[in-house]
Amino acid sequence: MEERSPATMERIQEAALEEFSEKGFLGASLRQIVKNAGVTTGAFYGYFSSKEALFASLVEPHAAALMGRFMEAQTSFADLAEEEQPKHMGEASGDYVDWMVDYICQHREPVKLLLCRAEGTSYEHFAHNMVEIEVEYTLKYMEVLRRLGKDIPDLSRSLCHIIASGMFNGLFEIVVHDMPREQARLYVAQFRAFYTAGWLKLMGQ
């Protein structure tokens, strides 16, 4: 049996990245990955228990980084005193989006797997989960504004979900279209200005 080694694991992951990127998780062939990596099937199972475990090894660090920083931005804003929140609206999310653009540009291929090639895995709803969290915190912030005496119209969860979905889908176009970093920064700055103005209009601000 082949001795486990970092070099062999790296070859398997490199072959997997290419196969998953081309065919997606469902279409990818484990046999082809093993062949391209130059290892036996038996050797493969000494490193990974399944094709999904192999996929997870490529995307989990990036899923954890993106979601972790996203939750940090949401909770740090929600933890502010209610009267302070309107003053800082957009700061945490702006910092996160700037960080996300840089992160995506530094880790394009595995992030593309996470966002575009994960159907059939536990990661296929990653973007949807971010949208749901965004909606939850948006509704909480609207309640804060009402307690502060602001006249905030009733906006349904469904509408907030549609808006948040559009926002995240737009942000992830960076991945889909392999945008250069500077173009992505400009695109996202304009995109955020558009959505910020839209939210203010809907909230009667």
Protein backbone atom coordinates (compact mmCIF):
# COMPACT_ATOMS: atom_id res chain seq x y z
CA MET A 1 0.00 0.00 0.00
CA GLU A 2 1.30 3.45 -0.88
CA GLU A 3 2.54 5.43 2.11
CA ARG A 4 0.49 8.54 2.85
CA SER A 5 2.28 11.72 1.87
CA PRO A 6 1.43 15.41 1.47
CA ALA A 7 2.67 15.30 -2.12
CA THR A 8 0.23 12.54 -3.07
CA MET A 9 -2.66 14.33 -1.38
CA GLU A 10 -1.76 17.48 -3.30
CA ARG A 11 -1.74 15.59 -6.60
CA ILE A 12 -5.20 14.17 -5.86
CA GLN A 13 -6.56 17.58 -4.94
CA GLU A 14 -5.05 19.22 -8.03
CA ALA A 15 -6.60 16.57 -10.27
CA ALA A 16 -9.91 16.96 -8.42
CA LEU A 17 -9.90 20.74 -8.78
CA GLU A 18 -9.54 20.39 -12.52
CA GLU A 19 -12.21 17.68 -12.83
CA PHE A 20 -14.73 19.40 -10.55
CA SER A 21 -14.15 22.76 -12.23
CA GLU A 22 -14.84 21.29 -15.65
CA LYS A 23 -17.76 18.97 -14.84
CA GLY A 24 -19.16 20.00 -11.46
CA PHE A 25 -19.44 17.63 -8.51
CA LEU A 26 -22.18 15.46 -10.01
CA GLY A 27 -20.51 15.08 -13.39
CA ALA A 28 -17.01 14.55 -12.10
CA SER A 29 -15.52 11.08 -12.39
CA LEU A 30 -13.64 9.76 -9.38
CA ARG A 31 -11.98 7.23 -11.70
CA GLN A 32 -10.69 10.09 -13.87
CA ILE A 33 -9.44 12.01 -10.85
CA VAL A 34 -7.53 8.98 -9.61
CA LYS A 35 -6.08 8.37 -13.08
CA ASN A 36 -5.01 11.99 -13.53
CA ALA A 37 -3.44 12.03 -10.07
CA GLY A 38 -1.43 8.91 -10.92
CA VAL A 39 -2.62 6.91 -7.92
CA THR A 40 -4.62 3.73 -7.46
CA THR A 41 -8.19 3.70 -6.24
CA GLY A 42 -7.01 1.92 -3.12
CA ALA A 43 -4.46 4.63 -2.48
CA PHE A 44 -7.14 7.30 -2.96
CA TYR A 45 -9.26 5.82 -0.18
CA GLY A 46 -6.28 6.10 2.12
CA TYR A 47 -6.68 9.87 1.86
CA PHE A 48 -10.40 10.49 1.31
CA SER A 49 -13.45 8.44 2.20
CA SER A 50 -15.50 9.54 -0.82
CA LYS A 51 -15.78 11.94 -3.74
CA GLU A 52 -17.72 14.35 -1.53
CA ALA A 53 -15.03 14.23 1.15
CA LEU A 54 -12.52 15.15 -1.55
CA PHE A 55 -14.74 18.02 -2.72
CA ALA A 56 -15.12 19.21 0.87
CA SER A 57 -11.35 19.24 1.34
CA LEU A 58 -11.14 21.78 -1.48
CA VAL A 59 -14.00 24.09 -0.52
CA GLU A 60 -14.51 23.83 3.26
CA PRO A 61 -11.67 26.21 4.25
CA HIS A 62 -13.14 28.85 1.94
CA ALA A 63 -16.75 28.24 2.99
CA ALA A 64 -15.66 28.62 6.62
CA ALA A 65 -13.71 31.80 5.88
CA LEU A 66 -16.48 33.47 3.86
CA MET A 67 -19.29 32.52 6.23
CA GLY A 68 -17.24 33.23 9.35
CA ARG A 69 -16.36 36.76 8.29
CA PHE A 70 -19.95 37.31 7.13
CA MET A 71 -21.37 36.29 10.51
CA GLU A 72 -18.79 38.43 12.30
CA ALA A 73 -19.98 41.46 10.32
CA GLN A 74 -23.63 40.72 11.07
CA THR A 75 -23.23 40.05 14.78
CA SER A 76 -20.83 42.93 15.46
CA PHE A 77 -23.39 45.34 14.01
CA ALA A 78 -26.31 43.73 15.88
CA ASP A 79 -24.34 43.92 19.14
CA LEU A 80 -24.04 47.72 18.93
CA ALA A 81 -26.35 49.73 21.14
CA GLU A 82 -29.59 50.27 19.23
CA GLU A 83 -29.21 54.05 19.13
CA GLU A 84 -25.73 53.61 17.62
CA GLN A 85 -26.75 51.26 14.83
CA PRO A 86 -28.08 53.86 12.33
CA LYS A 87 -24.79 55.78 12.56
CA HIS A 88 -22.81 52.71 11.59
CA MET A 89 -25.21 51.26 9.03
CA GLY A 90 -23.24 49.86 6.13
CA GLU A 91 -19.79 50.05 7.74
CA ALA A 92 -19.56 46.41 8.78
CA SER A 93 -21.12 45.14 5.56
CA GLY A 94 -18.89 47.44 3.50
CA ASP A 95 -15.77 46.15 5.22
CA TYR A 96 -16.94 42.58 4.69
CA VAL A 97 -17.68 43.11 1.00
CA ASP A 98 -14.27 44.69 0.43
CA TRP A 99 -12.63 41.77 2.22
CA MET A 100 -14.74 39.29 0.24
CA VAL A 101 -13.70 40.79 -3.10
CA ASP A 102 -10.04 40.42 -2.16
CA TYR A 103 -10.57 36.91 -0.82
CA ILE A 104 -12.38 35.74 -3.95
CA CYS A 105 -9.67 37.18 -6.17
CA GLN A 106 -7.00 35.36 -4.13
CA HIS A 107 -8.83 32.00 -4.15
CA ARG A 108 -10.77 32.04 -7.40
CA GLU A 109 -10.85 28.37 -8.34
CA PRO A 110 -11.93 26.77 -5.05
CA VAL A 111 -14.44 29.57 -4.41
CA LYS A 112 -15.89 28.96 -7.87
CA LEU A 113 -16.29 25.30 -6.94
CA LEU A 114 -18.12 26.34 -3.79
CA LEU A 115 -20.49 28.75 -5.52
CA CYS A 116 -20.94 27.24 -8.97
CA ARG A 117 -20.06 23.53 -8.95
CA ALA A 118 -21.40 22.21 -5.63
CA GLU A 119 -24.75 20.76 -6.73
CA GLY A 120 -25.19 17.37 -5.10
CA THR A 121 -23.09 18.25 -2.04
CA SER A 122 -23.84 19.76 1.35
CA TYR A 123 -22.48 23.06 -0.01
CA GLU A 124 -25.01 23.55 -2.80
CA HIS A 125 -27.12 25.94 -0.70
CA PHE A 126 -24.18 28.00 0.56
CA ALA A 127 -25.25 31.24 -1.16
CA HIS A 128 -28.91 30.65 -0.23
CA ASN A 129 -27.91 30.28 3.42
CA MET A 130 -26.08 33.61 3.31
CA VAL A 131 -29.20 35.21 1.84
CA GLU A 132 -31.37 33.80 4.63
CA ILE A 133 -29.00 35.18 7.27
CA GLU A 134 -28.95 38.56 5.55
CA VAL A 135 -32.75 38.66 5.54
CA GLU A 136 -32.94 37.73 9.23
CA TYR A 137 -30.59 40.52 10.28
CA THR A 138 -32.24 43.03 7.94
CA LEU A 139 -35.63 42.38 9.55
CA LYS A 140 -34.08 42.72 13.01
CA TYR A 141 -32.56 46.07 12.04
CA MET A 142 -35.93 47.32 10.79
CA GLU A 143 -37.38 46.48 14.21
CA VAL A 144 -34.57 48.45 15.84
CA LEU A 145 -35.42 51.46 13.67
CA ARG A 146 -39.08 51.20 14.66
CA ARG A 147 -38.17 51.12 18.36
CA LEU A 148 -36.12 54.26 17.75
CA GLY A 149 -39.25 55.96 16.44
CA LYS A 150 -38.58 55.68 12.71
CA ASP A 151 -41.56 55.23 10.43
CA ILE A 152 -40.46 52.06 8.64
CA PRO A 153 -42.98 50.48 6.26
CA ASP A 154 -43.77 46.80 6.49
CA LEU A 155 -41.55 44.91 4.06
CA SER A 156 -42.31 41.22 3.73
CA ARG A 157 -39.71 38.54 4.30
CA SER A 158 -40.32 37.41 0.72
CA LEU A 159 -39.46 40.83 -0.68
CA CYS A 160 -36.36 41.07 1.51
CA HIS A 161 -35.32 37.62 0.29
CA ILE A 162 -35.70 38.63 -3.36
CA ILE A 163 -33.62 41.78 -2.81
CA ALA A 164 -30.92 39.96 -0.85
CA SER A 165 -30.79 37.18 -3.46
CA GLY A 166 -30.24 39.75 -6.19
CA MET A 167 -27.50 41.40 -4.14
CA PHE A 168 -25.57 38.20 -3.46
CA ASN A 169 -26.00 36.89 -6.98
CA GLY A 170 -24.60 40.16 -8.22
CA LEU A 171 -21.64 40.02 -5.87
CA PHE A 172 -20.85 36.48 -6.90
CA GLU A 173 -20.68 37.53 -10.56
CA ILE A 174 -17.06 38.31 -9.62
CA VAL A 175 -16.56 34.56 -9.46
CA VAL A 176 -18.68 33.61 -12.44
CA HIS A 177 -16.93 36.03 -14.78
CA ASP A 178 -13.40 35.86 -13.32
CA MET A 179 -13.25 39.64 -12.93
CA PRO A 180 -9.83 41.24 -12.41
CA ARG A 181 -9.46 42.61 -8.87
CA GLU A 182 -9.62 46.31 -9.74
CA GLN A 183 -12.64 45.85 -11.99
CA ALA A 184 -14.33 43.83 -9.24
CA ARG A 185 -13.65 46.56 -6.67
CA LEU A 186 -15.18 49.23 -8.91
CA TYR A 187 -18.12 47.03 -9.86
CA VAL A 188 -18.91 46.20 -6.24
CA ALA A 189 -18.60 49.81 -5.06
CA GLN A 190 -21.14 50.89 -7.69
CA PHE A 191 -23.31 47.88 -6.95
CA ARG A 192 -23.39 48.65 -3.22
CA ALA A 193 -24.27 52.30 -3.89
CA PHE A 194 -27.22 51.12 -5.99
CA TYR A 195 -28.52 48.75 -3.32
CA THR A 196 -27.95 51.22 -0.46
CA ALA A 197 -30.01 53.85 -2.27
CA GLY A 198 -32.70 51.29 -2.97
CA TRP A 199 -32.94 50.18 0.65
CA LEU A 200 -33.11 53.77 1.88
CA LYS A 201 -35.93 54.46 -0.57
CA LEU A 202 -37.90 51.40 0.52
CA MET A 203 -37.44 52.31 4.17
CA GLY A 204 -38.65 55.85 3.54
CA GLN A 205 -35.32 57.36 4.61
